[in-house]
Amino acid sequence: MHPSGKVIMKEIRVGLIGFGIVGSGLAEVLCKQAERLLKKTGMSIKLGRVADIVVNALPAHMSDVLLTKDANDIFSDPHIDIVVELIGGIEPARSFILKAIESGKHVVTANKALLSTHGREIFEAATAKGVEVGFEASVCGGIPVIKALKEGLVANRILSFMGILNGTANYVLSRMTDQGLAFDTVLKEAQDKGFAEADPTYDVEGIDTAHKLVILVSMAYGTHITLDDISIEGITSIDPVDIAFAKEFGYRIKLLAISRNHGDHVEARVHPTMVPENHMLANINGAYNGIHFTGDMVGNVLFYGLGAGMVPTGSAVAADIVDIARNIHFGSVNRVPALSYMPEHIGPREITPLEDIRCPYYFRISAVDEPGVLSKISGILGEHDISIESVIQKGRKVKGAVPIMIRTHEAREASVREALSEIDALDICTDSTVKIRIFTEQEDE
């Protein structure tokens, strides 16, 4: 406060690298919510500079914001407090973030691919320099999942979590379920509507989900983990017939990120999963995301909302900016550790081999229509200690073969792989078996 009694308002200036969909969304949030942010923080949070190699002019209402094609102009600007990186990818994003940190500036990013591969390097550099890294928008867009792990659930030992972390994959599966459409048809529809990228590989093959899972596992358990530690399967092999039979079994198919805490080792896997129709995650549809945590103190908690999009993601980036601005203003930088755990308490943790996972399974076996087929298949499953719970064979042909749908009791992944390898080698089988793991309540403990 000034000696005259007037309140001196602190101004926080932001430098933005990348004025694409999310970058322009952030600018919109900071502009539209400027008065609200002032009332909530007592600070003026302004966008000072934008760096973008493509954009030649900013919107008219941003006439006081400086535009440059050189990100170094942001790093060298002494008036910039926080640098926001929204260009995505590994390079030059990694170099930009490290330069910003070296310049003593705080960083906010939505770059899950970068954090899942170079997060340790970035967080250690920030700790050494005494600056903060905010990354709320890197997981589930506008849903405050990162803040929940860092603060809301801080008193809990996380027992497990699982979630639908990719809106594109969820949109595709939802449309296939509701309309009975084929994967390729729905994917094209999603691309036409802007829900899917021109190259949707990261979304439909589970890679984007795995990037986010790396970040969540690191925070939930205080462990170093990389993308190479994650078992990943996508949804490209899912057929409408699998969706239909899932319904008959009482399930919906979702692409899930799953992690369970076993103490000395933790699960970290991404794959299509049959979820009971009455479970909360089964009813998260369209382009929405949802994540379900189980803590030893709080029990079960579900977060739900838009996981992507210009304004929702911009909202999450703005939340990080506000957190850091408050910490600057009150001299409490790094009050909350970036990864929830203090750096000295983050260490290695063994990742449960996928081969050791036990759960029930769904198989779609493509076989010729002749006597004795089912007995041969069930014999092989029995030899590998895989017990059949139910079988559906309706005689309708799919791609020239009769599909046999089998639901098993709980079995070990390694045994399932060995059995299916033998089954697929049989002359009676015309295609590789489709395998989908089935959710059980033990995942929820």
Protein backbone atom coordinates (compact mmCIF):
# COMPACT_ATOMS: atom_id res chain seq x y z
CA MET A 1 0.00 0.00 0.00
CA HIS A 2 1.22 3.50 -0.87
CA PRO A 3 1.84 5.91 2.10
CA SER A 4 -1.11 7.95 0.85
CA GLY A 5 -3.35 4.98 1.64
CA LYS A 6 -4.00 4.06 -1.97
CA VAL A 7 -3.72 0.40 -2.96
CA ILE A 8 -0.98 -0.15 -5.52
CA MET A 9 -2.14 -2.77 -7.97
CA LYS A 10 0.41 -5.35 -9.03
CA GLU A 11 0.65 -6.03 -12.76
CA ILE A 12 1.65 -9.45 -14.06
CA ARG A 13 2.67 -9.61 -17.70
CA VAL A 14 2.45 -12.74 -19.79
CA GLY A 15 4.42 -13.72 -22.88
CA LEU A 16 2.68 -16.21 -25.18
CA ILE A 17 4.47 -18.50 -27.65
CA GLY A 18 1.97 -19.83 -30.18
CA PHE A 19 -1.25 -18.08 -31.21
CA GLY A 20 -3.11 -21.10 -32.54
CA ILE A 21 -6.36 -22.56 -31.29
CA VAL A 22 -5.39 -22.76 -27.61
CA GLY A 23 -3.27 -19.60 -27.71
CA SER A 24 -6.11 -17.51 -29.11
CA GLY A 25 -8.41 -19.19 -26.59
CA LEU A 26 -6.15 -18.08 -23.76
CA ALA A 27 -6.11 -14.52 -25.13
CA GLU A 28 -9.91 -14.58 -25.22
CA VAL A 29 -10.11 -15.81 -21.62
CA LEU A 30 -7.67 -13.16 -20.33
CA CYS A 31 -9.55 -10.44 -22.20
CA LYS A 32 -13.12 -11.46 -21.32
CA GLN A 33 -12.33 -12.36 -17.72
CA ALA A 34 -9.95 -9.45 -16.98
CA GLU A 35 -12.34 -7.73 -14.54
CA ARG A 36 -13.23 -10.99 -12.80
CA LEU A 37 -9.54 -11.92 -12.43
CA LEU A 38 -8.83 -8.47 -11.00
CA LYS A 39 -11.59 -8.90 -8.40
CA LYS A 40 -10.35 -12.35 -7.46
CA THR A 41 -6.61 -11.65 -7.37
CA GLY A 42 -6.20 -7.91 -6.84
CA MET A 43 -3.79 -7.97 -9.78
CA SER A 44 -3.88 -6.90 -13.39
CA ILE A 45 -2.91 -9.90 -15.50
CA LYS A 46 -2.10 -8.78 -19.02
CA LEU A 47 -0.86 -10.39 -22.19
CA GLY A 48 2.27 -8.42 -23.06
CA ARG A 49 3.85 -10.19 -26.02
CA VAL A 50 2.89 -12.90 -28.52
CA ALA A 51 5.42 -14.86 -30.57
CA ASP A 52 4.17 -16.74 -33.63
CA ILE A 53 5.96 -17.41 -36.91
CA VAL A 54 2.72 -17.54 -38.94
CA VAL A 55 0.45 -14.85 -37.49
CA ASN A 56 1.01 -11.42 -39.04
CA ALA A 57 -1.52 -9.44 -37.05
CA LEU A 58 -3.43 -9.79 -33.78
CA PRO A 59 -7.15 -9.02 -33.32
CA ALA A 60 -8.07 -5.35 -33.00
CA HIS A 61 -8.88 -5.62 -29.29
CA MET A 62 -5.26 -6.69 -28.68
CA SER A 63 -3.74 -3.49 -30.03
CA ASP A 64 -1.61 -3.03 -26.91
CA VAL A 65 0.00 -6.49 -27.26
CA LEU A 66 3.36 -6.70 -29.05
CA LEU A 67 3.65 -9.31 -31.81
CA THR A 68 6.94 -10.92 -32.81
CA LYS A 69 8.16 -13.89 -34.82
CA ASP A 70 11.12 -14.42 -32.50
CA ALA A 71 10.45 -16.09 -29.13
CA ASN A 72 13.75 -14.68 -27.83
CA ASP A 73 12.04 -11.27 -27.68
CA ILE A 74 9.87 -12.71 -24.92
CA PHE A 75 12.76 -14.26 -22.99
CA SER A 76 14.74 -11.00 -23.07
CA ASP A 77 11.82 -8.77 -22.10
CA PRO A 78 12.37 -7.81 -18.44
CA HIS A 79 8.68 -6.98 -18.01
CA ILE A 80 7.48 -10.52 -18.83
CA ASP A 81 6.86 -12.56 -15.67
CA ILE A 82 5.30 -15.72 -17.09
CA VAL A 83 5.98 -17.46 -20.41
CA VAL A 84 3.19 -19.62 -21.86
CA GLU A 85 4.24 -22.27 -24.39
CA LEU A 86 1.37 -23.41 -26.63
CA ILE A 87 3.06 -24.59 -29.83
CA GLY A 88 3.07 -28.29 -28.92
CA GLY A 89 5.51 -30.95 -30.05
CA ILE A 90 8.96 -31.63 -28.65
CA GLU A 91 11.19 -29.11 -30.41
CA PRO A 92 11.47 -26.18 -30.36
CA ALA A 93 9.03 -26.27 -27.40
CA ARG A 94 11.57 -27.95 -25.11
CA SER A 95 14.29 -25.43 -25.94
CA PHE A 96 11.89 -22.51 -25.51
CA ILE A 97 10.78 -23.68 -22.08
CA LEU A 98 14.36 -24.26 -20.90
CA LYS A 99 15.36 -20.80 -22.20
CA ALA A 100 12.46 -19.21 -20.37
CA ILE A 101 13.46 -20.98 -17.16
CA GLU A 102 17.10 -19.97 -17.59
CA SER A 103 15.89 -16.37 -18.02
CA GLY A 104 14.25 -16.63 -14.61
CA LYS A 105 10.71 -16.63 -15.95
CA HIS A 106 7.89 -18.89 -14.80
CA VAL A 107 6.39 -21.24 -17.38
CA VAL A 108 2.92 -22.52 -18.22
CA THR A 109 2.42 -25.23 -20.84
CA ALA A 110 -0.27 -27.57 -22.17
CA ASN A 111 2.33 -29.82 -23.80
CA LYS A 112 1.65 -33.35 -22.53
CA ALA A 113 3.88 -34.98 -25.17
CA LEU A 114 6.84 -32.88 -24.03
CA LEU A 115 6.23 -33.39 -20.31
CA SER A 116 5.82 -37.15 -20.74
CA THR A 117 9.25 -37.39 -22.37
CA HIS A 118 11.29 -34.48 -20.96
CA GLY A 119 9.31 -33.58 -17.85
CA ARG A 120 12.05 -34.58 -15.43
CA GLU A 121 14.58 -32.33 -17.16
CA ILE A 122 12.17 -29.39 -17.20
CA PHE A 123 11.04 -29.71 -13.58
CA GLU A 124 14.60 -30.12 -12.30
CA ALA A 125 15.70 -27.02 -14.24
CA ALA A 126 12.79 -25.03 -12.79
CA THR A 127 13.59 -26.17 -9.24
CA ALA A 128 17.24 -25.19 -9.67
CA LYS A 129 16.26 -21.75 -10.95
CA GLY A 130 13.52 -21.18 -8.37
CA VAL A 131 10.67 -20.74 -10.85
CA GLU A 132 7.36 -22.55 -11.33
CA VAL A 133 5.99 -24.71 -14.12
CA GLY A 134 2.22 -24.89 -14.53
CA PHE A 135 0.70 -27.63 -16.68
CA GLU A 136 -2.97 -27.98 -15.74
CA ALA A 137 -4.04 -27.88 -19.39
CA SER A 138 -1.84 -30.84 -20.32
CA VAL A 139 -4.36 -33.36 -18.93
CA CYS A 140 -8.13 -33.23 -19.54
CA GLY A 141 -8.22 -29.64 -20.82
CA GLY A 142 -10.51 -27.55 -18.64
CA ILE A 143 -11.00 -30.20 -15.93
CA PRO A 144 -8.84 -29.31 -12.86
CA VAL A 145 -7.28 -32.77 -12.52
CA ILE A 146 -3.71 -31.61 -11.90
CA LYS A 147 -4.79 -29.22 -9.14
CA ALA A 148 -6.83 -32.00 -7.56
CA LEU A 149 -3.77 -34.23 -7.28
CA LYS A 150 -1.50 -31.41 -6.11
CA GLU A 151 -3.86 -29.95 -3.52
CA GLY A 152 -7.37 -31.39 -3.18
CA LEU A 153 -6.25 -35.01 -2.73
CA VAL A 154 -2.89 -34.24 -1.11
CA ALA A 155 -3.74 -36.08 2.13
CA ASN A 156 -4.62 -39.28 0.28
CA ARG A 157 -2.66 -42.31 -0.75
CA ILE A 158 -3.96 -42.79 -4.27
CA LEU A 159 -5.07 -46.41 -4.51
CA SER A 160 -6.12 -46.34 -8.14
CA PHE A 161 -7.33 -44.13 -10.92
CA MET A 162 -8.73 -44.67 -14.36
CA GLY A 163 -10.10 -42.36 -16.95
CA ILE A 164 -11.29 -41.45 -20.40
CA LEU A 165 -8.59 -38.96 -21.31
CA ASN A 166 -9.05 -38.51 -25.05
CA GLY A 167 -12.17 -36.88 -26.45
CA THR A 168 -11.61 -38.01 -30.04
CA ALA A 169 -11.44 -41.70 -29.15
CA ASN A 170 -14.42 -41.35 -26.84
CA TYR A 171 -16.44 -39.58 -29.53
CA VAL A 172 -15.67 -42.36 -32.02
CA LEU A 173 -16.61 -45.15 -29.62
CA SER A 174 -19.75 -43.31 -28.50
CA ARG A 175 -20.97 -42.87 -32.08
CA MET A 176 -20.17 -46.49 -32.90
CA THR A 177 -22.18 -47.54 -29.85
CA ASP A 178 -25.17 -45.28 -30.39
CA GLN A 179 -25.47 -45.55 -34.17
CA GLY A 180 -23.91 -48.93 -34.96
CA LEU A 181 -21.49 -47.27 -37.39
CA ALA A 182 -18.10 -48.61 -38.48
CA PHE A 183 -14.87 -47.15 -37.11
CA ASP A 184 -13.74 -45.60 -40.42
CA THR A 185 -17.13 -43.96 -40.98
CA VAL A 186 -17.20 -42.35 -37.54
CA LEU A 187 -13.57 -41.25 -37.72
CA LYS A 188 -14.24 -39.43 -41.02
CA GLU A 189 -17.27 -37.79 -39.41
CA ALA A 190 -15.14 -36.71 -36.44
CA GLN A 191 -12.54 -35.20 -38.77
CA ASP A 192 -15.22 -33.33 -40.73
CA LYS A 193 -16.58 -31.87 -37.47
CA GLY A 194 -13.14 -30.91 -36.20
CA PHE A 195 -13.16 -33.44 -33.34
CA ALA A 196 -10.27 -35.39 -34.89
CA GLU A 197 -6.99 -34.33 -36.46
CA ALA A 198 -6.17 -34.99 -40.12
CA ASP A 199 -3.70 -37.55 -38.73
CA PRO A 200 -5.60 -39.10 -35.80
CA THR A 201 -2.94 -41.68 -34.92
CA TYR A 202 -2.08 -40.29 -31.48
CA ASP A 203 -5.77 -40.20 -30.52
CA VAL A 204 -7.07 -43.53 -31.80
CA GLU A 205 -3.90 -45.53 -31.04
CA GLY A 206 -3.93 -44.44 -27.39
CA ILE A 207 -0.67 -42.46 -27.52
CA ASP A 208 -2.22 -39.15 -26.46
CA THR A 209 -3.92 -40.92 -23.55
CA ALA A 210 -0.59 -42.49 -22.58
CA HIS A 211 1.14 -39.08 -22.54
CA LYS A 212 -1.42 -37.92 -20.00
CA LEU A 213 -1.14 -41.13 -17.99
CA VAL A 214 2.61 -40.57 -17.58
CA ILE A 215 1.94 -37.19 -15.98
CA LEU A 216 -0.80 -38.52 -13.69
CA VAL A 217 1.24 -41.54 -12.52
CA SER A 218 4.20 -39.28 -11.76
CA MET A 219 2.01 -37.07 -9.59
CA ALA A 220 -0.16 -39.75 -7.98
CA TYR A 221 2.74 -41.84 -6.70
CA GLY A 222 5.78 -39.53 -6.73
CA THR A 223 7.66 -41.62 -9.26
CA HIS A 224 9.76 -41.13 -12.35
CA ILE A 225 8.09 -42.68 -15.38
CA THR A 226 8.33 -42.24 -19.17
CA LEU A 227 6.17 -43.13 -22.13
CA ASP A 228 8.22 -46.29 -22.65
CA ASP A 229 6.86 -47.63 -19.35
CA ILE A 230 3.24 -47.53 -20.53
CA SER A 231 1.49 -50.48 -22.20
CA ILE A 232 -0.57 -48.99 -25.04
CA GLU A 233 -3.35 -50.37 -27.24
CA GLY A 234 -5.71 -48.31 -29.41
CA ILE A 235 -9.25 -48.70 -30.71
CA THR A 236 -8.67 -49.31 -34.43
CA SER A 237 -9.47 -53.04 -34.15
CA ILE A 238 -12.89 -52.43 -32.53
CA ASP A 239 -15.72 -53.48 -34.84
CA PRO A 240 -19.47 -52.72 -34.57
CA VAL A 241 -19.98 -56.40 -33.80
CA ASP A 242 -17.83 -55.98 -30.66
CA ILE A 243 -19.93 -53.00 -29.63
CA ALA A 244 -23.12 -55.00 -30.17
CA PHE A 245 -21.97 -58.01 -28.20
CA ALA A 246 -20.62 -55.77 -25.42
CA LYS A 247 -24.20 -54.51 -25.06
CA GLU A 248 -25.47 -58.10 -24.83
CA PHE A 249 -22.97 -58.76 -22.05
CA GLY A 250 -24.05 -55.51 -20.31
CA TYR A 251 -20.99 -53.40 -21.12
CA ARG A 252 -19.87 -50.36 -23.08
CA ILE A 253 -16.41 -50.19 -24.65
CA LYS A 254 -14.21 -47.26 -23.59
CA LEU A 255 -10.56 -46.41 -24.16
CA LEU A 256 -9.26 -46.23 -20.60
CA ALA A 257 -6.05 -45.16 -18.91
CA ILE A 258 -5.73 -47.43 -15.87
CA SER A 259 -3.38 -47.35 -12.89
CA ARG A 260 -3.48 -49.25 -9.60
CA ASN A 261 -1.13 -48.82 -6.68
CA HIS A 262 0.33 -52.09 -5.38
CA GLY A 263 2.87 -50.43 -3.11
CA ASP A 264 6.18 -51.60 -4.52
CA HIS A 265 4.84 -51.54 -8.08
CA VAL A 266 2.09 -49.71 -9.97
CA GLU A 267 0.04 -50.46 -13.05
CA ALA A 268 0.18 -48.07 -16.00
CA ARG A 269 -1.73 -49.14 -19.10
CA VAL A 270 -3.95 -47.80 -21.88
CA HIS A 271 -6.34 -50.04 -23.78
CA PRO A 272 -9.99 -50.54 -24.80
CA THR A 273 -11.99 -51.81 -21.85
CA MET A 274 -15.49 -53.19 -21.42
CA VAL A 275 -17.04 -51.14 -18.63
CA PRO A 276 -20.33 -52.18 -16.94
CA GLU A 277 -23.21 -50.05 -18.21
CA ASN A 278 -24.05 -48.87 -14.70
CA HIS A 279 -20.53 -47.57 -13.98
CA MET A 280 -19.98 -43.80 -14.07
CA LEU A 281 -17.26 -44.00 -16.72
CA ALA A 282 -19.50 -46.01 -19.04
CA ASN A 283 -21.85 -43.05 -19.25
CA ILE A 284 -19.28 -40.43 -20.25
CA ASN A 285 -19.90 -40.02 -23.96
CA GLY A 286 -19.11 -37.85 -26.95
CA ALA A 287 -16.00 -35.67 -26.79
CA TYR A 288 -16.11 -35.48 -22.99
CA ASN A 289 -13.42 -36.73 -20.61
CA GLY A 290 -13.77 -38.27 -17.17
CA ILE A 291 -11.33 -39.52 -14.57
CA HIS A 292 -12.10 -41.56 -11.48
CA PHE A 293 -9.74 -41.48 -8.47
CA THR A 294 -9.85 -43.70 -5.40
CA GLY A 295 -8.02 -42.39 -2.33
CA ASP A 296 -7.60 -44.11 1.00
CA MET A 297 -9.19 -41.17 2.83
CA VAL A 298 -11.67 -39.65 0.38
CA GLY A 299 -12.89 -42.81 -1.33
CA ASN A 300 -14.16 -42.48 -4.90
CA VAL A 301 -14.06 -39.14 -6.75
CA LEU A 302 -15.09 -38.45 -10.35
CA PHE A 303 -14.04 -35.48 -12.49
CA TYR A 304 -15.98 -34.84 -15.70
CA GLY A 305 -15.98 -32.22 -18.43
CA LEU A 306 -14.57 -31.05 -21.75
CA GLY A 307 -11.05 -32.34 -22.17
CA ALA A 308 -10.09 -30.16 -25.11
CA GLY A 309 -11.18 -27.12 -27.08
CA MET A 310 -10.07 -23.53 -27.43
CA VAL A 311 -11.77 -21.93 -24.45
CA PRO A 312 -11.82 -24.86 -21.95
CA THR A 313 -8.09 -25.40 -22.42
CA GLY A 314 -7.50 -21.65 -22.35
CA SER A 315 -9.37 -21.62 -19.03
CA ALA A 316 -6.95 -24.19 -17.59
CA VAL A 317 -3.92 -22.24 -18.81
CA ALA A 318 -5.35 -19.08 -17.26
CA ALA A 319 -5.79 -20.91 -13.94
CA ASP A 320 -2.07 -21.75 -13.90
CA ILE A 321 -1.21 -18.15 -14.72
CA VAL A 322 -3.35 -16.93 -11.81
CA ASP A 323 -1.78 -19.44 -9.38
CA ILE A 324 1.72 -18.33 -10.33
CA ALA A 325 0.74 -14.65 -10.29
CA ARG A 326 -0.56 -15.01 -6.74
CA ASN A 327 2.61 -16.76 -5.66
CA ILE A 328 4.73 -13.98 -7.19
CA HIS A 329 2.62 -11.32 -5.52
CA PHE A 330 2.79 -12.87 -2.06
CA GLY A 331 6.39 -14.09 -2.29
CA SER A 332 5.40 -17.77 -2.11
CA VAL A 333 6.84 -19.18 -5.34
CA ASN A 334 6.97 -22.99 -5.31
CA ARG A 335 4.64 -23.10 -2.32
CA VAL A 336 3.07 -26.20 -3.89
CA PRO A 337 5.50 -28.69 -5.52
CA ALA A 338 4.88 -29.05 -9.26
CA LEU A 339 4.49 -32.83 -9.05
CA SER A 340 2.74 -32.83 -5.66
CA TYR A 341 5.73 -34.50 -3.96
CA MET A 342 8.83 -32.63 -2.83
CA PRO A 343 11.58 -33.24 -5.42
CA GLU A 344 13.76 -35.21 -3.00
CA HIS A 345 10.90 -37.67 -2.45
CA ILE A 346 10.34 -38.46 -6.12
CA GLY A 347 12.03 -41.70 -7.10
CA PRO A 348 11.78 -44.79 -9.29
CA ARG A 349 8.89 -47.23 -8.96
CA GLU A 350 8.53 -50.55 -10.73
CA ILE A 351 5.77 -50.67 -13.33
CA THR A 352 3.67 -53.84 -13.18
CA PRO A 353 4.40 -55.94 -16.30
CA LEU A 354 1.26 -56.22 -18.41
CA GLU A 355 1.83 -59.98 -18.54
CA ASP A 356 1.10 -60.15 -14.79
CA ILE A 357 -2.26 -58.35 -14.99
CA ARG A 358 -5.30 -60.46 -14.11
CA CYS A 359 -8.81 -59.63 -15.27
CA PRO A 360 -11.74 -61.13 -17.20
CA TYR A 361 -11.55 -61.00 -21.00
CA TYR A 362 -13.74 -60.79 -24.06
CA PHE A 363 -12.57 -62.60 -27.20
CA ARG A 364 -13.97 -62.36 -30.72
CA ILE A 365 -12.64 -65.35 -32.58
CA SER A 366 -13.18 -65.53 -36.35
CA ALA A 367 -13.65 -69.17 -37.34
CA VAL A 368 -15.14 -71.32 -40.10
CA ASP A 369 -18.63 -72.66 -39.49
CA GLU A 370 -18.13 -76.40 -38.94
CA PRO A 371 -18.61 -78.94 -36.13
CA GLY A 372 -15.97 -79.18 -33.40
CA VAL A 373 -14.70 -75.61 -33.68
CA LEU A 374 -15.81 -74.53 -30.21
CA SER A 375 -14.43 -77.69 -28.56
CA LYS A 376 -10.98 -77.06 -30.06
CA ILE A 377 -10.98 -73.47 -28.87
CA SER A 378 -12.26 -74.25 -25.38
CA GLY A 379 -9.71 -77.04 -25.07
CA ILE A 380 -6.82 -74.66 -25.69
CA LEU A 381 -8.24 -72.11 -23.24
CA GLY A 382 -8.59 -74.85 -20.60
CA GLU A 383 -4.97 -75.93 -21.08
CA HIS A 384 -3.93 -72.38 -20.16
CA ASP A 385 -6.19 -72.19 -17.08
CA ILE A 386 -8.63 -69.82 -18.76
CA SER A 387 -12.18 -70.54 -17.66
CA ILE A 388 -15.09 -69.61 -19.94
CA GLU A 389 -17.99 -67.72 -18.37
CA SER A 390 -20.24 -67.45 -21.44
CA VAL A 391 -20.25 -67.95 -25.22
CA ILE A 392 -22.35 -66.33 -27.94
CA GLN A 393 -22.36 -67.69 -31.49
CA LYS A 394 -25.24 -66.52 -33.64
CA GLY A 395 -24.12 -67.80 -37.00
CA ARG A 396 -24.00 -64.43 -38.72
CA LYS A 397 -20.92 -64.00 -40.84
CA VAL A 398 -18.45 -61.16 -40.42
CA LYS A 399 -15.85 -60.82 -43.19
CA GLY A 400 -16.53 -64.35 -44.38
CA ALA A 401 -16.27 -66.03 -41.00
CA VAL A 402 -18.55 -66.79 -38.09
CA PRO A 403 -17.66 -64.75 -34.99
CA ILE A 404 -17.51 -66.61 -31.70
CA MET A 405 -17.82 -64.31 -28.70
CA ILE A 406 -16.34 -65.62 -25.47
CA ARG A 407 -16.33 -63.99 -22.06
CA THR A 408 -13.87 -65.49 -19.58
CA HIS A 409 -13.45 -65.46 -15.85
CA GLU A 410 -10.37 -63.69 -14.48
CA ALA A 411 -7.20 -64.86 -16.21
CA ARG A 412 -3.53 -63.89 -16.38
CA GLU A 413 -2.49 -61.79 -19.37
CA ALA A 414 0.51 -63.98 -20.15
CA SER A 415 -1.70 -67.07 -20.30
CA VAL A 416 -4.21 -65.31 -22.51
CA ARG A 417 -1.51 -64.31 -24.99
CA GLU A 418 -0.18 -67.85 -25.20
CA ALA A 419 -3.65 -69.33 -25.66
CA LEU A 420 -4.68 -66.86 -28.35
CA SER A 421 -1.44 -67.44 -30.21
CA GLU A 422 -2.29 -71.15 -30.41
CA ILE A 423 -5.92 -70.49 -31.33
CA ASP A 424 -5.03 -68.06 -34.12
CA ALA A 425 -2.65 -70.67 -35.58
CA LEU A 426 -5.48 -73.17 -36.04
CA ASP A 427 -6.66 -73.85 -39.60
CA ILE A 428 -10.23 -73.19 -38.52
CA CYS A 429 -9.43 -69.57 -37.58
CA THR A 430 -9.53 -67.01 -40.39
CA ASP A 431 -8.25 -63.87 -38.63
CA SER A 432 -6.47 -62.70 -35.49
CA THR A 433 -8.59 -62.80 -32.35
CA VAL A 434 -9.83 -59.48 -31.01
CA LYS A 435 -9.16 -59.26 -27.26
CA ILE A 436 -10.75 -56.71 -24.93
CA ARG A 437 -10.14 -56.60 -21.19
CA ILE A 438 -13.18 -56.34 -18.92
CA PHE A 439 -13.42 -53.91 -16.03
CA THR A 440 -14.10 -55.41 -12.61
CA GLU A 441 -14.78 -53.70 -9.34
CA GLN A 442 -11.37 -54.76 -8.03
CA GLU A 443 -10.02 -51.98 -10.27
CA ASP A 444 -11.95 -49.65 -8.00
CA GLU A 445 -10.48 -50.68 -4.66
